[in-house]
Amino acid sequence: MEEMKQLCIYKENDKLHSLMQYNNLQAFFDIDYGGLPGGVFTAACPPEALHSLENGLINHCLKELFKHVITNQTQRKFDVVVQEWVLYSRHHYMKAYSAEFPRLLFQDGVSSISDVSAGTKVGILFAIVIAALTKNGQEVLLNDAKLTEKIYVNMIEAFELLLCYWAWLKKDEFWEINDIDALQCAKTSIFKTINQLKHLFPRSTGNQWKIPKLHEQMHIAHNIYLFGNHQNIHTGPQEHNHIAISKKPSQHTQKRKKNFDSQLGNRLIDQYSIDFTQNKILKQQSINDYSNEAAPKFKDISLKHTNMASKFEVSMRLEYETNKIDVQYQWITGSKKGHELSQSL
């Protein structure tokens, strides 16, 4: 890390480019994580259900099941059990998912977990539990996959534990503020859940269950104590913002690996600046008092950066007689001196 800092400070661009690293212009002020004693788990982003559970523990369980527990032939037979649900008459007009309920209907089966959302993986786990409890699903797992009765029962219990834990994190209320006993009870319950998962459904690849996402669950109860409802720190809405701040601006780049990051950052900054300026222009026009004949010919309006911590300042000059606005914005940073834009409306 120290070597990377020196490369950035002294702007050794050739060495940075060889590592696919760049000094990009960015529209935000630096963020101070505050040096929390909890370290990385509670500093940059508190552990939450999307990454540490849905795309973490549940994802690892599905990979273990499909790659090391049942064969490809068994997976296809298990998919048939799930696909049959779509053909039921009562399911014909039924939605595949509900807002607060995991997805259950999978027309293409459940054995493929690549390129699917974290919420879909929860639905796949839920469908596996339901299918495993049916006669057809039980026959596939016990007779075709040759699972012992103990492994079969332990697997279902482990998956049910994860689903119950997931549903618990979706609650709107947990315990009274400053109730230390309830906090300790939650910590103990989560600890037991995690230990049961390790015992009931062991992981055979990598470091087994000795992974950070498992340890992160030990911090969940304390984060609820600090920040309230766990949904307050759920990063689903932020992930959805990738469409607006990553995918769409990327369409206006050359899509070359070497210049992609810098071009994407510049397009995003231009978009923030222009959108902010446009909103201020429209707002100012809506509040103009045209009936005031004594109004001055020009009025200077200076607007600071937005509440998104973007480092630019907007200045507008309004001419009442013609209803035209001249707009300028410039960066408020010592690293770049004055990028201006003028526009008349």
Protein backbone atom coordinates (compact mmCIF):
# COMPACT_ATOMS: atom_id res chain seq x y z
CA MET A 1 0.00 0.00 0.00
CA GLU A 2 2.84 2.41 0.81
CA GLU A 3 4.38 1.78 -2.61
CA MET A 4 1.07 2.52 -4.30
CA LYS A 5 0.74 5.76 -2.31
CA GLN A 6 4.17 6.92 -3.45
CA LEU A 7 3.33 6.15 -7.07
CA CYS A 8 0.16 8.23 -6.81
CA ILE A 9 1.75 11.11 -4.87
CA TYR A 10 4.64 11.54 -7.27
CA LYS A 11 2.44 10.77 -10.29
CA GLU A 12 4.63 8.06 -11.79
CA ASN A 13 2.03 7.45 -14.49
CA ASP A 14 4.05 4.95 -16.51
CA LYS A 15 4.40 2.60 -13.56
CA LEU A 16 0.75 3.09 -12.65
CA HIS A 17 -0.40 2.29 -16.19
CA SER A 18 1.59 -0.93 -16.19
CA LEU A 19 -0.45 -1.97 -13.12
CA MET A 20 -3.72 -0.81 -14.75
CA GLN A 21 -3.98 2.01 -12.17
CA TYR A 22 -4.79 5.63 -12.98
CA ASN A 23 -5.04 9.03 -11.35
CA ASN A 24 -8.67 9.82 -12.15
CA LEU A 25 -10.52 13.06 -11.61
CA GLN A 26 -13.35 12.39 -9.18
CA ALA A 27 -16.28 14.51 -8.02
CA PHE A 28 -16.30 13.70 -4.33
CA PHE A 29 -14.43 14.82 -1.25
CA ASP A 30 -12.36 12.29 0.65
CA ILE A 31 -14.23 10.10 3.15
CA ASP A 32 -12.89 9.73 6.68
CA TYR A 33 -13.67 6.28 8.05
CA GLY A 34 -12.79 7.45 11.55
CA GLY A 35 -10.48 4.60 12.48
CA LEU A 36 -13.15 2.52 14.18
CA PRO A 37 -11.80 -0.21 16.49
CA GLY A 38 -13.87 -2.81 14.65
CA GLY A 39 -11.56 -2.53 11.68
CA VAL A 40 -12.59 -3.26 8.12
CA PHE A 41 -15.82 -4.99 9.14
CA THR A 42 -17.37 -1.79 10.54
CA ALA A 43 -15.37 0.93 8.78
CA ALA A 44 -15.92 1.35 5.05
CA CYS A 45 -19.19 -0.60 4.86
CA PRO A 46 -20.87 -2.50 7.71
CA PRO A 47 -21.57 -6.16 6.88
CA GLU A 48 -25.11 -6.53 5.63
CA ALA A 49 -27.42 -9.18 4.22
CA LEU A 50 -26.80 -8.60 0.52
CA HIS A 51 -23.05 -9.25 0.40
CA SER A 52 -22.31 -11.23 3.55
CA LEU A 53 -25.39 -13.48 3.51
CA GLU A 54 -27.27 -13.57 0.19
CA ASN A 55 -24.17 -13.31 -1.98
CA GLY A 56 -21.99 -14.77 0.76
CA LEU A 57 -23.01 -17.74 2.90
CA ILE A 58 -26.02 -18.68 0.76
CA ASN A 59 -23.94 -18.45 -2.41
CA HIS A 60 -21.24 -20.70 -0.88
CA CYS A 61 -23.88 -23.26 0.16
CA LEU A 62 -25.31 -23.40 -3.37
CA LYS A 63 -21.86 -23.81 -4.91
CA GLU A 64 -21.02 -26.60 -2.47
CA LEU A 65 -24.30 -28.37 -3.20
CA PHE A 66 -24.09 -28.22 -7.01
CA LYS A 67 -20.35 -28.84 -7.36
CA HIS A 68 -19.50 -31.32 -4.61
CA VAL A 69 -22.67 -32.90 -3.23
CA ILE A 70 -24.85 -33.83 -6.22
CA THR A 71 -23.77 -34.66 -9.78
CA ASN A 72 -24.83 -32.92 -13.00
CA GLN A 73 -27.20 -35.77 -13.82
CA THR A 74 -28.86 -35.44 -10.42
CA GLN A 75 -29.11 -31.68 -10.87
CA ARG A 76 -31.11 -32.12 -14.06
CA LYS A 77 -33.53 -34.50 -12.34
CA PHE A 78 -33.86 -32.10 -9.41
CA ASP A 79 -34.56 -29.26 -11.85
CA VAL A 80 -37.45 -31.27 -13.29
CA VAL A 81 -39.03 -31.46 -9.81
CA VAL A 82 -38.91 -27.65 -9.48
CA GLN A 83 -40.00 -26.99 -13.07
CA GLU A 84 -43.16 -29.05 -12.57
CA TRP A 85 -44.48 -26.40 -10.16
CA VAL A 86 -44.89 -23.92 -13.00
CA LEU A 87 -47.34 -26.27 -14.71
CA TYR A 88 -49.76 -26.39 -11.78
CA SER A 89 -53.05 -24.72 -12.66
CA ARG A 90 -53.01 -22.44 -9.61
CA HIS A 91 -49.55 -21.17 -10.55
CA HIS A 92 -50.47 -20.21 -14.09
CA TYR A 93 -51.09 -16.54 -13.29
CA MET A 94 -48.94 -16.42 -10.18
CA LYS A 95 -45.93 -14.10 -9.98
CA ALA A 96 -42.57 -15.81 -9.59
CA TYR A 97 -41.75 -13.66 -6.58
CA SER A 98 -43.28 -11.36 -3.98
CA ALA A 99 -41.82 -8.23 -2.42
CA GLU A 100 -41.11 -9.76 0.99
CA PHE A 101 -41.04 -13.42 -0.03
CA PRO A 102 -38.30 -15.42 -1.77
CA ARG A 103 -38.87 -16.42 -5.36
CA LEU A 104 -40.27 -19.93 -5.71
CA LEU A 105 -41.10 -20.59 -9.38
CA PHE A 106 -38.15 -21.31 -11.68
CA GLN A 107 -39.09 -22.29 -15.20
CA ASP A 108 -35.42 -22.99 -16.08
CA GLY A 109 -34.61 -24.91 -12.89
CA VAL A 110 -32.40 -24.01 -9.95
CA SER A 111 -29.06 -25.64 -10.75
CA SER A 112 -27.58 -22.59 -12.52
CA ILE A 113 -26.45 -19.83 -10.14
CA SER A 114 -24.18 -17.89 -12.48
CA ASP A 115 -25.22 -14.36 -13.49
CA VAL A 116 -28.20 -14.27 -11.14
CA SER A 117 -29.00 -11.67 -8.51
CA ALA A 118 -28.44 -12.18 -4.80
CA GLY A 119 -32.20 -12.20 -4.17
CA THR A 120 -32.66 -14.94 -6.77
CA LYS A 121 -30.10 -17.07 -4.92
CA VAL A 122 -32.25 -16.83 -1.79
CA GLY A 123 -35.22 -18.01 -3.87
CA ILE A 124 -33.16 -20.91 -5.23
CA LEU A 125 -32.26 -21.98 -1.70
CA PHE A 126 -35.92 -21.73 -0.67
CA ALA A 127 -37.03 -23.79 -3.70
CA ILE A 128 -34.39 -26.43 -2.90
CA VAL A 129 -35.73 -26.81 0.65
CA ILE A 130 -39.34 -27.11 -0.55
CA ALA A 131 -38.41 -29.56 -3.31
CA ALA A 132 -36.29 -31.67 -0.93
CA LEU A 133 -39.31 -32.11 1.34
CA THR A 134 -41.50 -33.46 -1.46
CA LYS A 135 -41.61 -37.17 -2.33
CA ASN A 136 -40.08 -36.62 -5.78
CA GLY A 137 -37.30 -34.42 -4.46
CA GLN A 138 -36.54 -36.81 -1.61
CA GLU A 139 -36.30 -39.68 -4.05
CA VAL A 140 -33.85 -37.78 -6.25
CA LEU A 141 -31.57 -36.83 -3.36
CA LEU A 142 -31.64 -40.15 -1.49
CA ASN A 143 -31.81 -42.66 -4.34
CA ASP A 144 -30.26 -40.90 -7.33
CA ALA A 145 -27.68 -38.70 -5.56
CA LYS A 146 -26.97 -41.50 -3.03
CA LEU A 147 -27.05 -39.12 -0.05
CA THR A 148 -27.24 -40.73 3.36
CA GLU A 149 -30.26 -39.93 5.47
CA LYS A 150 -28.07 -38.01 7.91
CA ILE A 151 -26.56 -35.77 5.23
CA TYR A 152 -30.01 -35.24 3.71
CA VAL A 153 -31.57 -34.15 7.02
CA ASN A 154 -28.57 -32.01 8.04
CA MET A 155 -28.56 -30.24 4.68
CA ILE A 156 -32.23 -29.30 4.94
CA GLU A 157 -31.76 -28.08 8.53
CA ALA A 158 -28.75 -25.94 7.55
CA PHE A 159 -30.61 -24.33 4.65
CA GLU A 160 -33.67 -23.70 6.83
CA LEU A 161 -31.41 -22.00 9.40
CA LEU A 162 -30.06 -19.62 6.75
CA LEU A 163 -33.56 -18.82 5.47
CA CYS A 164 -34.82 -18.11 8.99
CA TYR A 165 -31.79 -15.92 9.66
CA TRP A 166 -32.41 -14.08 6.38
CA ALA A 167 -36.07 -13.50 7.29
CA TRP A 168 -35.05 -12.27 10.76
CA LEU A 169 -32.80 -9.61 9.23
CA LYS A 170 -35.79 -8.34 7.21
CA LYS A 171 -37.70 -7.38 10.37
CA ASP A 172 -38.72 -3.76 10.94
CA GLU A 173 -38.09 -3.87 14.69
CA PHE A 174 -35.69 -5.90 16.82
CA TRP A 175 -35.40 -4.88 20.49
CA GLU A 176 -35.73 -1.83 22.70
CA ILE A 177 -32.98 0.78 22.58
CA ASN A 178 -30.16 0.16 25.10
CA ASP A 179 -31.51 -3.29 26.00
CA ILE A 180 -28.15 -4.97 26.57
CA ASP A 181 -29.70 -8.31 27.52
CA ALA A 182 -31.57 -8.52 24.20
CA LEU A 183 -28.37 -7.56 22.38
CA GLN A 184 -26.46 -10.36 24.07
CA CYS A 185 -29.27 -12.80 23.31
CA ALA A 186 -29.11 -11.86 19.61
CA LYS A 187 -25.32 -12.32 19.58
CA THR A 188 -25.66 -15.75 21.17
CA SER A 189 -28.38 -16.83 18.73
CA ILE A 190 -26.37 -15.74 15.68
CA PHE A 191 -23.29 -17.51 17.06
CA LYS A 192 -25.30 -20.74 17.47
CA THR A 193 -26.73 -20.40 13.95
CA ILE A 194 -23.28 -20.01 12.41
CA ASN A 195 -21.86 -22.93 14.39
CA GLN A 196 -24.78 -25.11 13.35
CA LEU A 197 -24.19 -24.21 9.70
CA LYS A 198 -20.52 -25.22 9.96
CA HIS A 199 -21.47 -28.52 11.62
CA LEU A 200 -24.49 -29.46 9.49
CA PHE A 201 -23.22 -28.48 6.04
CA PRO A 202 -19.40 -28.49 5.94
CA ARG A 203 -17.66 -26.76 3.05
CA SER A 204 -15.01 -28.79 1.23
CA THR A 205 -13.25 -26.13 -0.87
CA GLY A 206 -10.81 -23.35 -0.05
CA ASN A 207 -10.54 -22.56 3.65
CA GLN A 208 -13.81 -24.42 4.32
CA TRP A 209 -15.89 -22.08 6.50
CA LYS A 210 -12.88 -20.07 7.72
CA ILE A 211 -13.85 -17.08 5.59
CA PRO A 212 -14.47 -13.39 6.41
CA LYS A 213 -18.16 -13.48 5.44
CA LEU A 214 -18.80 -16.05 8.13
CA HIS A 215 -16.96 -13.98 10.72
CA GLU A 216 -18.87 -10.86 9.65
CA GLN A 217 -22.07 -12.36 11.06
CA MET A 218 -20.61 -11.90 14.55
CA HIS A 219 -20.85 -8.12 14.04
CA ILE A 220 -24.46 -8.03 12.82
CA ALA A 221 -26.12 -7.78 16.26
CA HIS A 222 -23.82 -4.95 17.37
CA ASN A 223 -24.49 -3.06 14.13
CA ILE A 224 -28.24 -3.34 14.78
CA TYR A 225 -27.55 -1.92 18.24
CA LEU A 226 -25.60 1.00 16.68
CA PHE A 227 -27.61 1.73 13.52
CA GLY A 228 -31.07 0.31 14.20
CA ASN A 229 -33.06 -1.74 11.69
CA HIS A 230 -30.70 -3.89 9.61
CA GLN A 231 -32.45 -2.72 6.44
CA ASN A 232 -30.98 0.74 7.13
CA ILE A 233 -27.57 -0.46 5.94
CA HIS A 234 -28.75 -2.88 3.24
CA THR A 235 -26.87 -1.99 0.04
CA GLY A 236 -29.51 -3.13 -2.42
CA PRO A 237 -30.51 0.43 -3.47
CA GLN A 238 -26.84 1.38 -3.88
CA GLU A 239 -26.23 -1.66 -6.06
CA HIS A 240 -29.20 -0.62 -8.19
CA ASN A 241 -27.51 2.78 -8.68
CA HIS A 242 -24.82 1.02 -10.73
CA ILE A 243 -27.20 1.29 -13.67
CA ALA A 244 -27.16 5.09 -13.53
CA ILE A 245 -23.57 5.67 -12.44
CA SER A 246 -21.79 2.88 -14.28
CA LYS A 247 -23.68 1.11 -17.05
CA LYS A 248 -25.28 4.11 -18.77
CA PRO A 249 -22.21 6.43 -18.66
CA SER A 250 -20.07 3.57 -19.96
CA GLN A 251 -22.02 3.72 -23.24
CA HIS A 252 -20.33 7.08 -23.95
CA THR A 253 -16.77 5.77 -23.61
CA GLN A 254 -14.49 4.11 -26.15
CA LYS A 255 -14.65 0.90 -24.05
CA ARG A 256 -10.91 0.38 -24.23
CA LYS A 257 -9.45 -1.25 -21.15
CA LYS A 258 -6.62 1.24 -20.73
CA ASN A 259 -8.81 4.36 -20.78
CA PHE A 260 -12.13 2.97 -19.59
CA ASP A 261 -11.91 4.00 -15.91
CA SER A 262 -10.76 7.55 -16.57
CA GLN A 263 -13.32 8.13 -19.33
CA LEU A 264 -16.12 6.69 -17.22
CA GLY A 265 -15.19 8.94 -14.30
CA ASN A 266 -15.12 12.04 -16.50
CA ARG A 267 -18.50 11.22 -18.07
CA LEU A 268 -20.00 10.72 -14.62
CA ILE A 269 -18.63 14.04 -13.33
CA ASP A 270 -19.94 15.90 -16.37
CA GLN A 271 -23.34 14.32 -15.84
CA TYR A 272 -23.44 15.36 -12.16
CA SER A 273 -22.38 18.90 -12.96
CA ILE A 274 -24.76 19.47 -15.86
CA ASP A 275 -27.75 17.86 -14.08
CA PHE A 276 -27.13 19.95 -10.99
CA THR A 277 -26.86 23.13 -13.06
CA GLN A 278 -29.99 22.36 -15.04
CA ASN A 279 -32.01 21.76 -11.87
CA LYS A 280 -30.86 25.08 -10.43
CA ILE A 281 -31.72 26.91 -13.66
CA LEU A 282 -35.22 25.43 -13.76
CA LYS A 283 -35.77 26.23 -10.10
CA GLN A 284 -34.62 29.81 -10.56
CA GLN A 285 -36.84 30.30 -13.59
CA SER A 286 -39.86 29.01 -11.69
CA ILE A 287 -39.47 31.61 -8.92
CA ASN A 288 -38.70 34.66 -11.07
CA ASP A 289 -41.03 37.56 -10.45
CA TYR A 290 -41.61 39.06 -13.88
CA SER A 291 -44.13 41.58 -12.60
CA ASN A 292 -41.52 43.44 -10.59
CA GLU A 293 -40.61 46.33 -12.90
CA ALA A 294 -38.10 47.69 -10.41
CA ALA A 295 -36.03 44.52 -10.56
CA PRO A 296 -32.39 45.05 -11.53
CA LYS A 297 -31.28 44.21 -15.02
CA PHE A 298 -28.82 41.55 -13.87
CA LYS A 299 -28.69 39.39 -10.79
CA ASP A 300 -25.73 37.21 -9.85
CA ILE A 301 -26.51 33.88 -8.24
CA SER A 302 -23.71 31.84 -6.72
CA LEU A 303 -24.41 28.24 -5.80
CA LYS A 304 -22.00 25.95 -3.99
CA HIS A 305 -21.52 22.25 -4.59
CA THR A 306 -24.38 19.81 -4.18
CA ASN A 307 -25.11 17.73 -1.11
CA MET A 308 -23.40 14.82 -2.90
CA ALA A 309 -20.04 16.38 -1.88
CA SER A 310 -19.18 17.15 -5.49
CA LYS A 311 -16.32 19.58 -5.82
CA PHE A 312 -17.67 22.18 -8.23
CA GLU A 313 -19.25 25.62 -7.88
CA VAL A 314 -21.98 26.96 -10.13
CA SER A 315 -22.45 30.66 -10.92
CA MET A 316 -25.47 31.96 -12.85
CA ARG A 317 -26.09 35.43 -14.24
CA LEU A 318 -29.75 36.21 -14.85
CA GLU A 319 -30.97 38.95 -17.27
CA TYR A 320 -34.56 39.79 -16.42
CA GLU A 321 -35.42 41.61 -19.67
CA THR A 322 -34.63 38.70 -21.96
CA ASN A 323 -35.04 35.93 -19.40
CA LYS A 324 -31.63 34.51 -20.30
CA ILE A 325 -29.27 32.85 -17.87
CA ASP A 326 -25.52 32.58 -18.36
CA VAL A 327 -24.12 29.63 -16.46
CA GLN A 328 -20.58 28.83 -15.39
CA TYR A 329 -19.22 26.08 -13.18
CA GLN A 330 -15.70 25.35 -12.02
CA TRP A 331 -13.94 22.78 -9.87
CA ILE A 332 -13.23 23.66 -6.24
CA THR A 333 -9.97 21.80 -5.92
CA GLY A 334 -6.32 22.60 -6.03
CA SER A 335 -5.50 19.69 -8.34
CA LYS A 336 -7.34 21.19 -11.31
CA LYS A 337 -7.69 24.87 -12.03
CA GLY A 338 -10.94 26.00 -13.52
CA HIS A 339 -13.02 23.94 -15.90
CA GLU A 340 -15.75 26.28 -17.13
CA LEU A 341 -18.92 25.90 -19.11
CA SER A 342 -21.08 28.75 -20.45
CA GLN A 343 -24.59 28.34 -21.65
CA SER A 344 -27.47 30.63 -22.50
CA LEU A 345 -31.11 29.64 -22.26
